[in-house]
Amino acid sequence: MLDLLFGDLLFVYGTLRQGNANAMAAYLSTHAEFLTGGWFQGLMYQISYYPGVIASDCADDRIYGEVYRLHDAQSTLAVLDDYEECSARHRQPAEYQRLNTQILAVDGHVLEQVWIYLYQWPLHNKRLIESGDFMQHEQLI
């Protein structure tokens, strides 16, 4: 079982996942430790070159991603909040909101109190990514 501290776990499902060649994915890989793959109960939409995820009530709706332990949660989350444009210095309501949720790890353990960025703008004209896996989607960056 993982030794967990409140507030130091982050679930990522899009441009921050391993295999993406962008500055923020590189930032996360140097400021956090990859722990495990997992899934969140939700739906994924193609917003632009990046996805947006909302929670779902249906147990069959799964978003696949990765769980990281942040080395310095407070400073790393501040940088990521800026990247996700949900910090106080961005216009509100923000496109994303950082919330705590539970994630099911690939080994079957339920991880409680994991940070996730959920999409909160309207989804009209946005295409559902049915696989729930951005890395298997054709829009890799």
Protein backbone atom coordinates (compact mmCIF):
# COMPACT_ATOMS: atom_id res chain seq x y z
CA MET A 1 0.00 0.00 0.00
CA LEU A 2 1.22 3.50 -0.77
CA ASP A 3 2.20 5.80 2.12
CA LEU A 4 0.04 8.84 1.35
CA LEU A 5 0.08 12.39 2.66
CA PHE A 6 -2.97 14.62 2.23
CA GLY A 7 -2.64 16.98 -0.68
CA ASP A 8 0.47 15.61 -2.36
CA LEU A 9 -1.16 13.37 -5.00
CA LEU A 10 -2.20 14.54 -8.47
CA PHE A 11 -4.09 12.68 -11.22
CA VAL A 12 -3.34 13.81 -14.77
CA TYR A 13 -5.18 12.65 -17.89
CA GLY A 14 -4.12 14.90 -20.78
CA THR A 15 -1.16 17.03 -21.80
CA LEU A 16 0.70 16.42 -18.52
CA ARG A 17 0.93 12.64 -18.99
CA GLN A 18 4.14 10.82 -19.82
CA GLY A 19 4.79 10.75 -23.55
CA ASN A 20 3.75 14.34 -24.21
CA ALA A 21 6.54 16.63 -25.42
CA ASN A 22 5.72 19.95 -23.80
CA ALA A 23 7.33 22.09 -21.12
CA MET A 24 4.71 21.44 -18.45
CA ALA A 25 4.85 17.65 -18.82
CA ALA A 26 8.63 17.96 -18.39
CA TYR A 27 8.09 20.24 -15.37
CA LEU A 28 5.81 17.69 -13.72
CA SER A 29 8.24 14.83 -14.35
CA THR A 30 11.01 16.74 -12.53
CA HIS A 31 8.81 17.97 -9.64
CA ALA A 32 6.88 14.78 -8.96
CA GLU A 33 7.25 11.03 -8.79
CA PHE A 34 5.09 8.81 -10.99
CA LEU A 35 3.25 6.35 -8.72
CA THR A 36 0.75 4.42 -10.81
CA GLY A 37 -1.75 4.43 -13.60
CA GLY A 38 -5.38 4.70 -12.67
CA TRP A 39 -8.81 5.92 -13.63
CA PHE A 40 -11.41 8.51 -12.66
CA GLN A 41 -15.16 8.14 -13.13
CA GLY A 42 -15.86 10.75 -15.78
CA LEU A 43 -16.23 11.80 -19.41
CA MET A 44 -13.48 13.31 -21.59
CA TYR A 45 -14.01 15.88 -24.34
CA GLN A 46 -11.69 17.35 -26.98
CA ILE A 47 -11.59 21.04 -26.03
CA SER A 48 -8.79 22.20 -28.34
CA TYR A 49 -5.40 20.50 -28.59
CA TYR A 50 -6.10 19.38 -25.01
CA PRO A 51 -8.91 17.48 -23.29
CA GLY A 52 -11.39 18.46 -20.62
CA VAL A 53 -12.91 16.04 -18.12
CA ILE A 54 -16.14 16.20 -16.15
CA ALA A 55 -17.35 13.82 -13.44
CA SER A 56 -19.95 11.19 -14.34
CA ASP A 57 -22.53 9.26 -12.33
CA CYS A 58 -22.09 6.20 -14.56
CA ALA A 59 -19.59 3.63 -13.23
CA ASP A 60 -18.73 2.59 -16.82
CA ASP A 61 -17.41 6.08 -17.69
CA ARG A 62 -13.67 5.95 -17.12
CA ILE A 63 -10.91 8.47 -17.67
CA TYR A 64 -7.46 6.91 -17.76
CA GLY A 65 -4.40 8.70 -16.48
CA GLU A 66 -1.49 8.77 -14.08
CA VAL A 67 -1.07 9.49 -10.38
CA TYR A 68 1.95 11.48 -9.21
CA ARG A 69 3.29 12.34 -5.78
CA LEU A 70 4.33 15.99 -5.79
CA HIS A 71 7.70 16.74 -4.16
CA ASP A 72 6.56 20.21 -3.00
CA ALA A 73 2.79 20.17 -3.41
CA GLN A 74 2.17 23.83 -2.59
CA SER A 75 4.63 25.32 -5.10
CA THR A 76 4.03 22.71 -7.81
CA LEU A 77 0.24 23.11 -7.60
CA ALA A 78 0.66 26.89 -7.84
CA VAL A 79 2.57 26.45 -11.12
CA LEU A 80 0.04 23.92 -12.43
CA ASP A 81 -2.90 26.15 -11.41
CA ASP A 82 -1.34 28.85 -13.56
CA TYR A 83 -0.91 26.40 -16.46
CA GLU A 84 -4.53 25.27 -16.13
CA GLU A 85 -5.52 28.95 -15.82
CA CYS A 86 -7.48 28.42 -12.63
CA SER A 87 -5.33 30.52 -10.28
CA ALA A 88 -6.74 33.71 -8.80
CA ARG A 89 -4.93 35.82 -11.41
CA HIS A 90 -7.01 34.33 -14.25
CA ARG A 91 -10.53 35.34 -15.22
CA GLN A 92 -13.30 33.56 -13.42
CA PRO A 93 -15.08 31.30 -13.77
CA ALA A 94 -11.94 29.49 -14.84
CA GLU A 95 -11.92 26.83 -17.55
CA TYR A 96 -10.72 24.28 -14.99
CA GLN A 97 -11.21 23.81 -11.29
CA ARG A 98 -8.79 21.84 -9.11
CA LEU A 99 -10.69 19.48 -6.80
CA ASN A 100 -9.96 16.51 -4.56
CA THR A 101 -11.38 13.18 -5.66
CA GLN A 102 -10.72 9.49 -5.42
CA ILE A 103 -8.86 7.53 -8.07
CA LEU A 104 -8.82 3.78 -8.59
CA ALA A 105 -5.21 2.65 -9.08
CA VAL A 106 -4.40 -0.10 -11.59
CA ASP A 107 -3.67 -2.47 -8.68
CA GLY A 108 -7.24 -1.99 -7.40
CA HIS A 109 -6.46 0.30 -4.46
CA VAL A 110 -8.68 3.33 -4.02
CA LEU A 111 -6.58 6.47 -3.60
CA GLU A 112 -8.40 9.14 -1.60
CA GLN A 113 -7.74 12.88 -1.66
CA VAL A 114 -6.13 13.07 -5.11
CA TRP A 115 -6.06 16.42 -6.92
CA ILE A 116 -7.64 16.57 -10.40
CA TYR A 117 -8.40 19.42 -12.79
CA LEU A 118 -12.02 19.24 -13.97
CA TYR A 119 -13.44 21.22 -16.87
CA GLN A 120 -16.22 23.68 -16.05
CA TRP A 121 -17.10 25.60 -19.22
CA PRO A 122 -19.95 24.63 -21.59
CA LEU A 123 -19.35 21.53 -23.70
CA HIS A 124 -21.56 22.31 -26.70
CA ASN A 125 -19.78 21.48 -29.99
CA LYS A 126 -17.07 19.55 -28.10
CA ARG A 127 -16.39 15.99 -29.23
CA LEU A 128 -16.53 13.17 -26.69
CA ILE A 129 -13.31 11.12 -26.49
CA GLU A 130 -15.04 7.79 -26.08
CA SER A 131 -11.95 5.79 -25.07
CA GLY A 132 -11.37 8.04 -22.05
CA ASP A 133 -7.66 7.82 -22.84
CA PHE A 134 -6.06 10.95 -24.29
CA MET A 135 -2.83 9.10 -25.06
CA GLN A 136 -4.70 6.75 -27.42
CA HIS A 137 -6.51 9.66 -29.02
CA GLU A 138 -5.21 11.05 -32.32
CA GLN A 139 -4.59 14.55 -30.90
CA LEU A 140 -1.28 13.91 -29.12
CA ILE A 141 0.95 16.92 -28.57
